[in-house]
Amino acid sequence: MTGGDNITDNTDFVLLGFSDFPHIRPALFVVFLVIYILTLTWNLCLIVLIKMDPHLHIPMYFFISNLPFIDICYVSSTAPKMLYDFFQEKPTITFVGCAIQYFVFSTMGLSESCLMTVMAYDRYAAICNPLLYSSIMSPSLCGRMVLGSYMAGLSASLSQVCAMLQLHFCGPNVIHHFFCDMPQLLILSCTDTFFLQLLTIVLTMIFGIVNALVIMISYVYIVISIMKITSAKGRSKAFNTCASHLTAVSLFYTASIFVYLSSSTGSSSSFDRFASVFYTMVIPMVNPLVYSLRNKEIKETLKRLQKRRRYC
């Protein structure tokens, strides 16, 4: 019971997940399990590959090595629970468990947004100020920028979760999703959610719009600098250093904006849930491939490792 309001809080939520697709649930479980295993494997391999090769111990790959770590934590905040719920007749999650899941999910997602902005600045420094790049992107600055990305995501998520813990849930307790996301929680609350909605909008503007603007401005300067390069080979090389990052940024922001705009009312259709799989599981799986297959240095590192294995 709360204070004098005579409201009884729900302590558990029912996660609908994909229970409304009984005929294809086994197939969905297998597909999602394979995606999760591949995501863990490929991201761990990219981290190990960068750590093993001294040629990749430069700022660009220091940032790239942090991205797989974020993606592993990001996908692990939702995928294990979702896979476990396939075997439950009535999958539930406690309010505390819901808050923890959202906290980890939100922290990693916001940190990734900041890290991609940092990586855009790194590419700007490398292409627009190549002679000063080493002095600009010093190891201490790189470390502070990565730490700042994590701290920004952590602080923003913590403020949301603290506000979330003040909510009360006394009515329907079914979440039409496979994980605890903010829009679904807001619509189930019995208390006023104005402050939390305002906080979410502000954080979305800071981490979404501001970060996206910084990335776009960085690439405007990058494109201008590339067009000033006289040789076609030089322009191609400069563009290739940005191609993988630009691809990852496009996937991340396009998927996030699409899903959150379509679910802004708090309802979650079947299409929304499958679309959420794309940005919570598929993109973290694809990111290491984007940075490997479109990156000359990483491909050369793989070739060197293959030669060493043959020699051994």
C-alpha atoms as a PDB file:
ATOM      1  CA  MET A   1       0.000   0.000   0.000  1.00  0.00           C
ATOM      2  CA  THR A   2       1.230   3.536  -0.622  1.00  0.00           C
ATOM      3  CA  GLY A   3       1.037   6.391   1.896  1.00  0.00           C
ATOM      4  CA  GLY A   4      -2.661   7.286   2.039  1.00  0.00           C
ATOM      5  CA  ASP A   5      -3.518   6.644  -1.564  1.00  0.00           C
ATOM      6  CA  ASN A   6      -4.941   3.143  -1.027  1.00  0.00           C
ATOM      7  CA  ILE A   7      -3.035   1.899  -4.079  1.00  0.00           C
ATOM      8  CA  THR A   8      -1.643  -1.608  -4.238  1.00  0.00           C
ATOM      9  CA  ASP A   9       1.468  -1.869  -6.370  1.00  0.00           C
ATOM     10  CA  ASN A  10       2.082  -4.678  -8.810  1.00  0.00           C
ATOM     11  CA  THR A  11       5.447  -6.239  -8.044  1.00  0.00           C
ATOM     12  CA  ASP A  12       5.607  -8.431 -11.154  1.00  0.00           C
ATOM     13  CA  PHE A  13       5.111  -7.800 -14.845  1.00  0.00           C
ATOM     14  CA  VAL A  14       4.179 -10.302 -17.525  1.00  0.00           C
ATOM     15  CA  LEU A  15       6.423 -10.042 -20.587  1.00  0.00           C
ATOM     16  CA  LEU A  16       4.321 -10.930 -23.611  1.00  0.00           C
ATOM     17  CA  GLY A  17       7.415 -11.479 -25.736  1.00  0.00           C
ATOM     18  CA  PHE A  18       6.589 -13.704 -28.706  1.00  0.00           C
ATOM     19  CA  SER A  19       4.037 -15.863 -26.892  1.00  0.00           C
ATOM     20  CA  ASP A  20       1.367 -14.829 -29.416  1.00  0.00           C
ATOM     21  CA  PHE A  21       3.261 -16.770 -32.108  1.00  0.00           C
ATOM     22  CA  PRO A  22       2.960 -20.330 -30.724  1.00  0.00           C
ATOM     23  CA  HIS A  23       3.497 -22.076 -34.060  1.00  0.00           C
ATOM     24  CA  ILE A  24       6.828 -20.439 -34.842  1.00  0.00           C
ATOM     25  CA  ARG A  25       8.177 -20.088 -31.288  1.00  0.00           C
ATOM     26  CA  PRO A  26      10.672 -23.000 -31.654  1.00  0.00           C
ATOM     27  CA  ALA A  27      12.028 -21.513 -34.873  1.00  0.00           C
ATOM     28  CA  LEU A  28      12.261 -18.054 -33.316  1.00  0.00           C
ATOM     29  CA  PHE A  29      14.151 -19.463 -30.334  1.00  0.00           C
ATOM     30  CA  VAL A  30      16.720 -21.138 -32.595  1.00  0.00           C
ATOM     31  CA  VAL A  31      17.164 -18.018 -34.727  1.00  0.00           C
ATOM     32  CA  PHE A  32      17.564 -15.716 -31.719  1.00  0.00           C
ATOM     33  CA  LEU A  33      19.943 -18.136 -29.992  1.00  0.00           C
ATOM     34  CA  VAL A  34      22.151 -18.319 -33.094  1.00  0.00           C
ATOM     35  CA  ILE A  35      22.141 -14.519 -33.391  1.00  0.00           C
ATOM     36  CA  TYR A  36      23.120 -14.159 -29.728  1.00  0.00           C
ATOM     37  CA  ILE A  37      25.949 -16.713 -29.974  1.00  0.00           C
ATOM     38  CA  LEU A  38      27.294 -15.101 -33.151  1.00  0.00           C
ATOM     39  CA  THR A  39      27.090 -11.656 -31.532  1.00  0.00           C
ATOM     40  CA  LEU A  40      29.159 -12.790 -28.536  1.00  0.00           C
ATOM     41  CA  THR A  41      31.656 -14.685 -30.704  1.00  0.00           C
ATOM     42  CA  TRP A  42      32.275 -12.020 -33.324  1.00  0.00           C
ATOM     43  CA  ASN A  43      32.510  -9.155 -30.839  1.00  0.00           C
ATOM     44  CA  LEU A  44      34.889 -11.057 -28.553  1.00  0.00           C
ATOM     45  CA  CYS A  45      37.029 -12.001 -31.558  1.00  0.00           C
ATOM     46  CA  LEU A  46      37.260  -8.354 -32.639  1.00  0.00           C
ATOM     47  CA  ILE A  47      38.366  -7.295 -29.138  1.00  0.00           C
ATOM     48  CA  VAL A  48      41.017 -10.046 -29.008  1.00  0.00           C
ATOM     49  CA  LEU A  49      42.195  -9.274 -32.556  1.00  0.00           C
ATOM     50  CA  ILE A  50      42.780  -5.592 -31.750  1.00  0.00           C
ATOM     51  CA  LYS A  51      44.524  -6.403 -28.459  1.00  0.00           C
ATOM     52  CA  MET A  52      46.834  -8.963 -30.104  1.00  0.00           C
ATOM     53  CA  ASP A  53      48.126  -6.865 -32.996  1.00  0.00           C
ATOM     54  CA  PRO A  54      50.470  -3.948 -32.094  1.00  0.00           C
ATOM     55  CA  HIS A  55      49.699  -2.374 -35.486  1.00  0.00           C
ATOM     56  CA  LEU A  56      46.178  -1.698 -34.219  1.00  0.00           C
ATOM     57  CA  HIS A  57      47.216   0.005 -30.978  1.00  0.00           C
ATOM     58  CA  ILE A  58      46.197   3.454 -32.193  1.00  0.00           C
ATOM     59  CA  PRO A  59      43.292   5.730 -31.132  1.00  0.00           C
ATOM     60  CA  MET A  60      40.947   4.604 -33.905  1.00  0.00           C
ATOM     61  CA  TYR A  61      41.120   0.951 -32.876  1.00  0.00           C
ATOM     62  CA  PHE A  62      41.102   1.797 -29.181  1.00  0.00           C
ATOM     63  CA  PHE A  63      37.629   3.237 -29.744  1.00  0.00           C
ATOM     64  CA  ILE A  64      36.602   0.339 -31.983  1.00  0.00           C
ATOM     65  CA  SER A  65      37.661  -2.175 -29.300  1.00  0.00           C
ATOM     66  CA  ASN A  66      35.290  -0.521 -26.822  1.00  0.00           C
ATOM     67  CA  LEU A  67      32.343  -0.776 -29.198  1.00  0.00           C
ATOM     68  CA  PRO A  68      32.224  -4.630 -29.101  1.00  0.00           C
ATOM     69  CA  PHE A  69      32.333  -4.533 -25.299  1.00  0.00           C
ATOM     70  CA  ILE A  70      29.333  -2.184 -25.251  1.00  0.00           C
ATOM     71  CA  ASP A  71      27.496  -4.343 -27.798  1.00  0.00           C
ATOM     72  CA  ILE A  72      28.081  -7.491 -25.722  1.00  0.00           C
ATOM     73  CA  CYS A  73      26.644  -5.838 -22.603  1.00  0.00           C
ATOM     74  CA  TYR A  74      23.863  -4.251 -24.663  1.00  0.00           C
ATOM     75  CA  VAL A  75      22.608  -7.493 -26.206  1.00  0.00           C
ATOM     76  CA  SER A  76      23.131  -9.446 -22.965  1.00  0.00           C
ATOM     77  CA  SER A  77      20.778  -7.104 -21.111  1.00  0.00           C
ATOM     78  CA  THR A  78      17.804  -8.460 -23.091  1.00  0.00           C
ATOM     79  CA  ALA A  79      18.666 -11.633 -25.035  1.00  0.00           C
ATOM     80  CA  PRO A  80      19.248 -14.165 -22.171  1.00  0.00           C
ATOM     81  CA  LYS A  81      15.953 -13.253 -20.480  1.00  0.00           C
ATOM     82  CA  MET A  82      14.110 -13.358 -23.802  1.00  0.00           C
ATOM     83  CA  LEU A  83      15.549 -16.802 -24.637  1.00  0.00           C
ATOM     84  CA  TYR A  84      14.714 -18.100 -21.150  1.00  0.00           C
ATOM     85  CA  ASP A  85      11.110 -16.875 -21.474  1.00  0.00           C
ATOM     86  CA  PHE A  86      10.537 -19.120 -24.485  1.00  0.00           C
ATOM     87  CA  PHE A  87      10.340 -22.019 -22.020  1.00  0.00           C
ATOM     88  CA  GLN A  88       7.939 -20.278 -19.623  1.00  0.00           C
ATOM     89  CA  GLU A  89       4.161 -20.555 -19.891  1.00  0.00           C
ATOM     90  CA  LYS A  90       3.763 -17.149 -18.260  1.00  0.00           C
ATOM     91  CA  PRO A  91       7.062 -15.253 -18.401  1.00  0.00           C
ATOM     92  CA  THR A  92       7.309 -12.663 -15.648  1.00  0.00           C
ATOM     93  CA  ILE A  93       9.827 -10.159 -14.350  1.00  0.00           C
ATOM     94  CA  THR A  94       9.870  -8.286 -11.045  1.00  0.00           C
ATOM     95  CA  PHE A  95       9.730  -4.512 -10.917  1.00  0.00           C
ATOM     96  CA  VAL A  96      13.296  -4.442  -9.552  1.00  0.00           C
ATOM     97  CA  GLY A  97      14.427  -6.823 -12.302  1.00  0.00           C
ATOM     98  CA  CYS A  98      12.685  -4.621 -14.833  1.00  0.00           C
ATOM     99  CA  ALA A  99      14.482  -1.535 -13.525  1.00  0.00           C
ATOM    100  CA  ILE A 100      17.874  -3.303 -13.594  1.00  0.00           C
ATOM    101  CA  GLN A 101      17.297  -4.585 -17.130  1.00  0.00           C
ATOM    102  CA  TYR A 102      16.335  -1.145 -18.399  1.00  0.00           C
ATOM    103  CA  PHE A 103      19.265   0.447 -16.555  1.00  0.00           C
ATOM    104  CA  VAL A 104      21.842  -1.805 -18.248  1.00  0.00           C
ATOM    105  CA  PHE A 105      20.121  -1.589 -21.631  1.00  0.00           C
ATOM    106  CA  SER A 106      19.829   2.197 -21.502  1.00  0.00           C
ATOM    107  CA  THR A 107      23.369   2.718 -20.156  1.00  0.00           C
ATOM    108  CA  MET A 108      24.921   0.701 -22.967  1.00  0.00           C
ATOM    109  CA  GLY A 109      22.737   2.275 -25.662  1.00  0.00           C
ATOM    110  CA  LEU A 110      23.468   5.846 -24.560  1.00  0.00           C
ATOM    111  CA  SER A 111      27.170   5.062 -24.083  1.00  0.00           C
ATOM    112  CA  GLU A 112      27.311   3.684 -27.623  1.00  0.00           C
ATOM    113  CA  SER A 113      25.737   6.881 -28.940  1.00  0.00           C
ATOM    114  CA  CYS A 114      28.433   8.925 -27.176  1.00  0.00           C
ATOM    115  CA  LEU A 115      31.211   6.587 -28.330  1.00  0.00           C
ATOM    116  CA  MET A 116      30.128   6.911 -31.951  1.00  0.00           C
ATOM    117  CA  THR A 117      30.280  10.691 -31.551  1.00  0.00           C
ATOM    118  CA  VAL A 118      33.808  10.386 -30.121  1.00  0.00           C
ATOM    119  CA  MET A 119      34.789   8.180 -33.071  1.00  0.00           C
ATOM    120  CA  ALA A 120      33.466  10.807 -35.489  1.00  0.00           C
ATOM    121  CA  TYR A 121      35.685  13.408 -33.813  1.00  0.00           C
ATOM    122  CA  ASP A 122      38.632  11.000 -34.086  1.00  0.00           C
ATOM    123  CA  ARG A 123      38.063  10.662 -37.840  1.00  0.00           C
ATOM    124  CA  TYR A 124      37.729  14.456 -38.112  1.00  0.00           C
ATOM    125  CA  ALA A 125      41.085  14.935 -36.352  1.00  0.00           C
ATOM    126  CA  ALA A 126      42.760  12.253 -38.501  1.00  0.00           C
ATOM    127  CA  ILE A 127      41.592  13.619 -41.858  1.00  0.00           C
ATOM    128  CA  CYS A 128      41.297  17.370 -41.238  1.00  0.00           C
ATOM    129  CA  ASN A 129      44.432  17.705 -39.075  1.00  0.00           C
ATOM    130  CA  PRO A 130      46.670  14.761 -40.054  1.00  0.00           C
ATOM    131  CA  LEU A 131      49.938  16.459 -38.993  1.00  0.00           C
ATOM    132  CA  LEU A 132      48.603  17.220 -35.508  1.00  0.00           C
ATOM    133  CA  TYR A 133      46.626  13.981 -35.119  1.00  0.00           C
ATOM    134  CA  SER A 134      49.077  12.257 -32.761  1.00  0.00           C
ATOM    135  CA  SER A 135      49.269  15.246 -30.458  1.00  0.00           C
ATOM    136  CA  ILE A 136      45.521  15.904 -30.536  1.00  0.00           C
ATOM    137  CA  MET A 137      44.434  12.310 -29.908  1.00  0.00           C
ATOM    138  CA  SER A 138      46.838  11.537 -27.078  1.00  0.00           C
ATOM    139  CA  PRO A 139      46.348   8.296 -25.091  1.00  0.00           C
ATOM    140  CA  SER A 140      45.193  10.247 -22.042  1.00  0.00           C
ATOM    141  CA  LEU A 141      42.587  12.156 -24.062  1.00  0.00           C
ATOM    142  CA  CYS A 142      41.335   8.945 -25.682  1.00  0.00           C
ATOM    143  CA  GLY A 143      40.968   7.336 -22.273  1.00  0.00           C
ATOM    144  CA  ARG A 144      39.074  10.324 -20.910  1.00  0.00           C
ATOM    145  CA  MET A 145      36.777  10.412 -23.936  1.00  0.00           C
ATOM    146  CA  VAL A 146      35.867   6.738 -23.583  1.00  0.00           C
ATOM    147  CA  LEU A 147      35.412   7.081 -19.820  1.00  0.00           C
ATOM    148  CA  GLY A 148      33.271  10.157 -20.423  1.00  0.00           C
ATOM    149  CA  SER A 149      31.062   8.159 -22.822  1.00  0.00           C
ATOM    150  CA  TYR A 150      30.472   5.490 -20.196  1.00  0.00           C
ATOM    151  CA  MET A 151      29.862   8.022 -17.424  1.00  0.00           C
ATOM    152  CA  ALA A 152      27.423  10.031 -19.552  1.00  0.00           C
ATOM    153  CA  GLY A 153      25.394   6.907 -20.366  1.00  0.00           C
ATOM    154  CA  LEU A 154      25.543   5.744 -16.733  1.00  0.00           C
ATOM    155  CA  SER A 155      24.441   9.113 -15.312  1.00  0.00           C
ATOM    156  CA  ALA A 156      21.553   9.531 -17.748  1.00  0.00           C
ATOM    157  CA  SER A 157      20.273   5.999 -17.186  1.00  0.00           C
ATOM    158  CA  LEU A 158      20.608   6.316 -13.423  1.00  0.00           C
ATOM    159  CA  SER A 159      18.489   9.480 -13.431  1.00  0.00           C
ATOM    160  CA  GLN A 160      15.793   7.686 -15.452  1.00  0.00           C
ATOM    161  CA  VAL A 161      15.779   4.629 -13.198  1.00  0.00           C
ATOM    162  CA  CYS A 162      15.599   6.773 -10.041  1.00  0.00           C
ATOM    163  CA  ALA A 163      12.543   8.510 -11.489  1.00  0.00           C
ATOM    164  CA  MET A 164      11.116   5.155 -12.595  1.00  0.00           C
ATOM    165  CA  LEU A 165      11.356   3.780  -9.047  1.00  0.00           C
ATOM    166  CA  GLN A 166       8.944   6.507  -7.910  1.00  0.00           C
ATOM    167  CA  LEU A 167       6.195   5.168 -10.178  1.00  0.00           C
ATOM    168  CA  HIS A 168       3.377   2.918  -8.988  1.00  0.00           C
ATOM    169  CA  PHE A 169       1.755   0.146 -11.029  1.00  0.00           C
ATOM    170  CA  CYS A 170      -1.691  -0.954  -9.845  1.00  0.00           C
ATOM    171  CA  GLY A 171      -3.573  -1.819 -13.036  1.00  0.00           C
ATOM    172  CA  PRO A 172      -2.714  -4.089 -15.994  1.00  0.00           C
ATOM    173  CA  ASN A 173       0.744  -5.635 -15.670  1.00  0.00           C
ATOM    174  CA  VAL A 174       1.277  -7.043 -19.173  1.00  0.00           C
ATOM    175  CA  ILE A 175       4.228  -5.575 -21.079  1.00  0.00           C
ATOM    176  CA  HIS A 176       3.675  -6.094 -24.799  1.00  0.00           C
ATOM    177  CA  HIS A 177       7.357  -6.543 -25.465  1.00  0.00           C
ATOM    178  CA  PHE A 178      10.190  -8.993 -24.813  1.00  0.00           C
ATOM    179  CA  PHE A 179      12.048  -6.622 -22.463  1.00  0.00           C
ATOM    180  CA  CYS A 180      11.304  -3.679 -20.169  1.00  0.00           C
ATOM    181  CA  ASP A 181      11.363  -0.533 -22.268  1.00  0.00           C
ATOM    182  CA  MET A 182      10.372   2.920 -21.077  1.00  0.00           C
ATOM    183  CA  PRO A 183       7.301   3.570 -23.331  1.00  0.00           C
ATOM    184  CA  GLN A 184       5.614   0.332 -22.179  1.00  0.00           C
ATOM    185  CA  LEU A 185       6.302   1.094 -18.512  1.00  0.00           C
ATOM    186  CA  LEU A 186       4.958   4.636 -18.753  1.00  0.00           C
ATOM    187  CA  ILE A 187       1.613   3.520 -20.147  1.00  0.00           C
ATOM    188  CA  LEU A 188       1.147   0.982 -17.301  1.00  0.00           C
ATOM    189  CA  SER A 189       1.845   3.453 -14.492  1.00  0.00           C
ATOM    190  CA  CYS A 190      -1.001   4.545 -12.189  1.00  0.00           C
ATOM    191  CA  THR A 191       0.814   7.720 -11.150  1.00  0.00           C
ATOM    192  CA  ASP A 192       1.748  10.910 -12.974  1.00  0.00           C
ATOM    193  CA  THR A 193       4.581  10.284 -15.435  1.00  0.00           C
ATOM    194  CA  PHE A 194       5.053  13.873 -16.615  1.00  0.00           C
ATOM    195  CA  PHE A 195       8.495  14.321 -15.027  1.00  0.00           C
ATOM    196  CA  LEU A 196       9.790  11.018 -16.378  1.00  0.00           C
ATOM    197  CA  GLN A 197       8.416  11.772 -19.843  1.00  0.00           C
ATOM    198  CA  LEU A 198      10.059  15.211 -19.766  1.00  0.00           C
ATOM    199  CA  LEU A 199      13.339  13.683 -18.582  1.00  0.00           C
ATOM    200  CA  THR A 200      13.195  11.086 -21.365  1.00  0.00           C
ATOM    201  CA  ILE A 201      12.578  13.798 -23.985  1.00  0.00           C
ATOM    202  CA  VAL A 202      15.502  15.894 -22.697  1.00  0.00           C
ATOM    203  CA  LEU A 203      17.853  12.895 -22.684  1.00  0.00           C
ATOM    204  CA  THR A 204      16.687  11.919 -26.167  1.00  0.00           C
ATOM    205  CA  MET A 205      17.507  15.413 -27.412  1.00  0.00           C
ATOM    206  CA  ILE A 206      20.948  15.391 -25.772  1.00  0.00           C
ATOM    207  CA  PHE A 207      22.023  11.870 -26.693  1.00  0.00           C
ATOM    208  CA  GLY A 208      20.123  11.574 -29.932  1.00  0.00           C
ATOM    209  CA  ILE A 209      19.817  14.930 -31.637  1.00  0.00           C
ATOM    210  CA  VAL A 210      22.954  16.627 -30.248  1.00  0.00           C
ATOM    211  CA  ASN A 211      25.179  13.592 -30.849  1.00  0.00           C
ATOM    212  CA  ALA A 212      23.772  13.154 -34.345  1.00  0.00           C
ATOM    213  CA  LEU A 213      24.408  16.850 -35.115  1.00  0.00           C
ATOM    214  CA  VAL A 214      28.021  16.592 -33.887  1.00  0.00           C
ATOM    215  CA  ILE A 215      28.542  13.533 -36.094  1.00  0.00           C
ATOM    216  CA  MET A 216      26.984  15.266 -39.104  1.00  0.00           C
ATOM    217  CA  ILE A 217      29.063  18.429 -38.616  1.00  0.00           C
ATOM    218  CA  SER A 218      32.223  16.330 -38.267  1.00  0.00           C
ATOM    219  CA  TYR A 219      31.486  14.569 -41.529  1.00  0.00           C
ATOM    220  CA  VAL A 220      30.741  17.835 -43.324  1.00  0.00           C
ATOM    221  CA  TYR A 221      34.276  18.978 -42.494  1.00  0.00           C
ATOM    222  CA  ILE A 222      35.625  15.521 -43.367  1.00  0.00           C
ATOM    223  CA  VAL A 223      33.973  15.578 -46.801  1.00  0.00           C
ATOM    224  CA  ILE A 224      35.285  19.095 -47.447  1.00  0.00           C
ATOM    225  CA  SER A 225      38.813  17.971 -46.535  1.00  0.00           C
ATOM    226  CA  ILE A 226      38.553  14.843 -48.680  1.00  0.00           C
ATOM    227  CA  MET A 227      37.442  16.867 -51.710  1.00  0.00           C
ATOM    228  CA  LYS A 228      40.565  19.006 -51.347  1.00  0.00           C
ATOM    229  CA  ILE A 229      42.807  15.949 -51.785  1.00  0.00           C
ATOM    230  CA  THR A 230      44.153  16.037 -55.337  1.00  0.00           C
ATOM    231  CA  SER A 231      44.813  12.336 -55.965  1.00  0.00           C
ATOM    232  CA  ALA A 232      41.950   9.877 -56.450  1.00  0.00           C
ATOM    233  CA  LYS A 233      43.881   7.269 -54.465  1.00  0.00           C
ATOM    234  CA  GLY A 234      44.238   9.641 -51.537  1.00  0.00           C
ATOM    235  CA  ARG A 235      40.534  10.469 -51.573  1.00  0.00           C
ATOM    236  CA  SER A 236      39.642   6.792 -51.720  1.00  0.00           C
ATOM    237  CA  LYS A 237      41.943   5.971 -48.784  1.00  0.00           C
ATOM    238  CA  ALA A 238      40.540   8.818 -46.674  1.00  0.00           C
ATOM    239  CA  PHE A 239      36.974   7.778 -47.414  1.00  0.00           C
ATOM    240  CA  ASN A 240      37.672   4.132 -46.570  1.00  0.00           C
ATOM    241  CA  THR A 241      38.847   5.101 -43.080  1.00  0.00           C
ATOM    242  CA  CYS A 242      35.376   6.549 -42.431  1.00  0.00           C
ATOM    243  CA  ALA A 243      33.194   4.081 -44.324  1.00  0.00           C
ATOM    244  CA  SER A 244      32.839   1.487 -41.559  1.00  0.00           C
ATOM    245  CA  HIS A 245      32.047   4.079 -38.899  1.00  0.00           C
ATOM    246  CA  LEU A 246      29.550   5.856 -41.126  1.00  0.00           C
ATOM    247  CA  THR A 247      27.833   2.531 -41.877  1.00  0.00           C
ATOM    248  CA  ALA A 248      27.590   1.645 -38.167  1.00  0.00           C
ATOM    249  CA  VAL A 249      26.254   5.114 -37.299  1.00  0.00           C
ATOM    250  CA  SER A 250      23.625   4.915 -40.051  1.00  0.00           C
ATOM    251  CA  LEU A 251      22.406   1.509 -38.868  1.00  0.00           C
ATOM    252  CA  PHE A 252      22.331   2.533 -35.201  1.00  0.00           C
ATOM    253  CA  TYR A 253      20.445   5.814 -35.608  1.00  0.00           C
ATOM    254  CA  THR A 254      18.082   4.663 -38.351  1.00  0.00           C
ATOM    255  CA  ALA A 255      16.936   1.627 -36.379  1.00  0.00           C
ATOM    256  CA  SER A 256      16.672   3.492 -33.063  1.00  0.00           C
ATOM    257  CA  ILE A 257      14.713   6.420 -34.500  1.00  0.00           C
ATOM    258  CA  PHE A 258      12.352   4.149 -36.425  1.00  0.00           C
ATOM    259  CA  VAL A 259      11.553   1.884 -33.464  1.00  0.00           C
ATOM    260  CA  TYR A 260      11.127   4.651 -30.900  1.00  0.00           C
ATOM    261  CA  LEU A 261       8.956   6.769 -33.179  1.00  0.00           C
ATOM    262  CA  SER A 262       6.710   3.809 -33.945  1.00  0.00           C
ATOM    263  CA  SER A 263       6.387   2.850 -30.235  1.00  0.00           C
ATOM    264  CA  SER A 264       6.181   6.357 -28.771  1.00  0.00           C
ATOM    265  CA  THR A 265       2.554   5.776 -27.753  1.00  0.00           C
ATOM    266  CA  GLY A 266       3.593   2.919 -25.471  1.00  0.00           C
ATOM    267  CA  SER A 267       1.813   0.241 -27.503  1.00  0.00           C
ATOM    268  CA  SER A 268       3.858  -2.469 -29.118  1.00  0.00           C
ATOM    269  CA  SER A 269       2.610  -4.281 -32.193  1.00  0.00           C
ATOM    270  CA  SER A 270       4.092  -7.522 -33.461  1.00  0.00           C
ATOM    271  CA  PHE A 271       5.958  -5.545 -36.086  1.00  0.00           C
ATOM    272  CA  ASP A 272       7.449  -3.271 -33.417  1.00  0.00           C
ATOM    273  CA  ARG A 273       8.722  -6.271 -31.462  1.00  0.00           C
ATOM    274  CA  PHE A 274      10.400  -7.806 -34.496  1.00  0.00           C
ATOM    275  CA  ALA A 275      11.826  -4.392 -35.399  1.00  0.00           C
ATOM    276  CA  SER A 276      13.220  -4.138 -31.863  1.00  0.00           C
ATOM    277  CA  VAL A 277      15.058  -7.419 -32.426  1.00  0.00           C
ATOM    278  CA  PHE A 278      16.886  -5.686 -35.248  1.00  0.00           C
ATOM    279  CA  TYR A 279      18.349  -2.906 -33.122  1.00  0.00           C
ATOM    280  CA  THR A 280      18.794  -4.922 -29.904  1.00  0.00           C
ATOM    281  CA  MET A 281      20.334  -8.069 -31.453  1.00  0.00           C
ATOM    282  CA  VAL A 282      21.036  -7.838 -35.177  1.00  0.00           C
ATOM    283  CA  ILE A 283      22.973  -4.550 -35.153  1.00  0.00           C
ATOM    284  CA  PRO A 284      25.342  -5.683 -32.332  1.00  0.00           C
ATOM    285  CA  MET A 285      25.938  -8.840 -34.395  1.00  0.00           C
ATOM    286  CA  VAL A 286      26.593  -6.910 -37.611  1.00  0.00           C
ATOM    287  CA  ASN A 287      28.864  -4.204 -36.126  1.00  0.00           C
ATOM    288  CA  PRO A 288      32.028  -6.366 -35.894  1.00  0.00           C
ATOM    289  CA  LEU A 289      31.503  -7.465 -39.499  1.00  0.00           C
ATOM    290  CA  VAL A 290      31.138  -3.852 -40.608  1.00  0.00           C
ATOM    291  CA  TYR A 291      34.410  -2.906 -38.906  1.00  0.00           C
ATOM    292  CA  SER A 292      36.200  -6.022 -40.155  1.00  0.00           C
ATOM    293  CA  LEU A 293      35.065  -6.422 -43.753  1.00  0.00           C
ATOM    294  CA  ARG A 294      35.278  -2.702 -44.565  1.00  0.00           C
ATOM    295  CA  ASN A 295      38.578  -2.075 -42.803  1.00  0.00           C
ATOM    296  CA  LYS A 296      41.854  -2.660 -44.594  1.00  0.00           C
ATOM    297  CA  GLU A 297      44.042  -2.815 -41.463  1.00  0.00           C
ATOM    298  CA  ILE A 298      41.857  -5.415 -39.739  1.00  0.00           C
ATOM    299  CA  LYS A 299      41.759  -7.538 -42.906  1.00  0.00           C
ATOM    300  CA  GLU A 300      45.544  -7.372 -43.082  1.00  0.00           C
ATOM    301  CA  THR A 301      45.751  -8.406 -39.420  1.00  0.00           C
ATOM    302  CA  LEU A 302      43.561 -11.416 -40.159  1.00  0.00           C
ATOM    303  CA  LYS A 303      45.847 -12.364 -43.055  1.00  0.00           C
ATOM    304  CA  ARG A 304      48.933 -12.124 -40.807  1.00  0.00           C
ATOM    305  CA  LEU A 305      47.287 -14.341 -38.208  1.00  0.00           C
ATOM    306  CA  GLN A 306      46.395 -16.895 -40.876  1.00  0.00           C
ATOM    307  CA  LYS A 307      50.033 -16.929 -42.092  1.00  0.00           C
ATOM    308  CA  ARG A 308      51.282 -17.441 -38.526  1.00  0.00           C
ATOM    309  CA  ARG A 309      48.868 -20.338 -38.017  1.00  0.00           C
ATOM    310  CA  ARG A 310      50.005 -21.991 -41.252  1.00  0.00           C
ATOM    311  CA  TYR A 311      53.630 -21.503 -40.268  1.00  0.00           C
ATOM    312  CA  CYS A 312      53.038 -23.013 -36.821  1.00  0.00           C
END
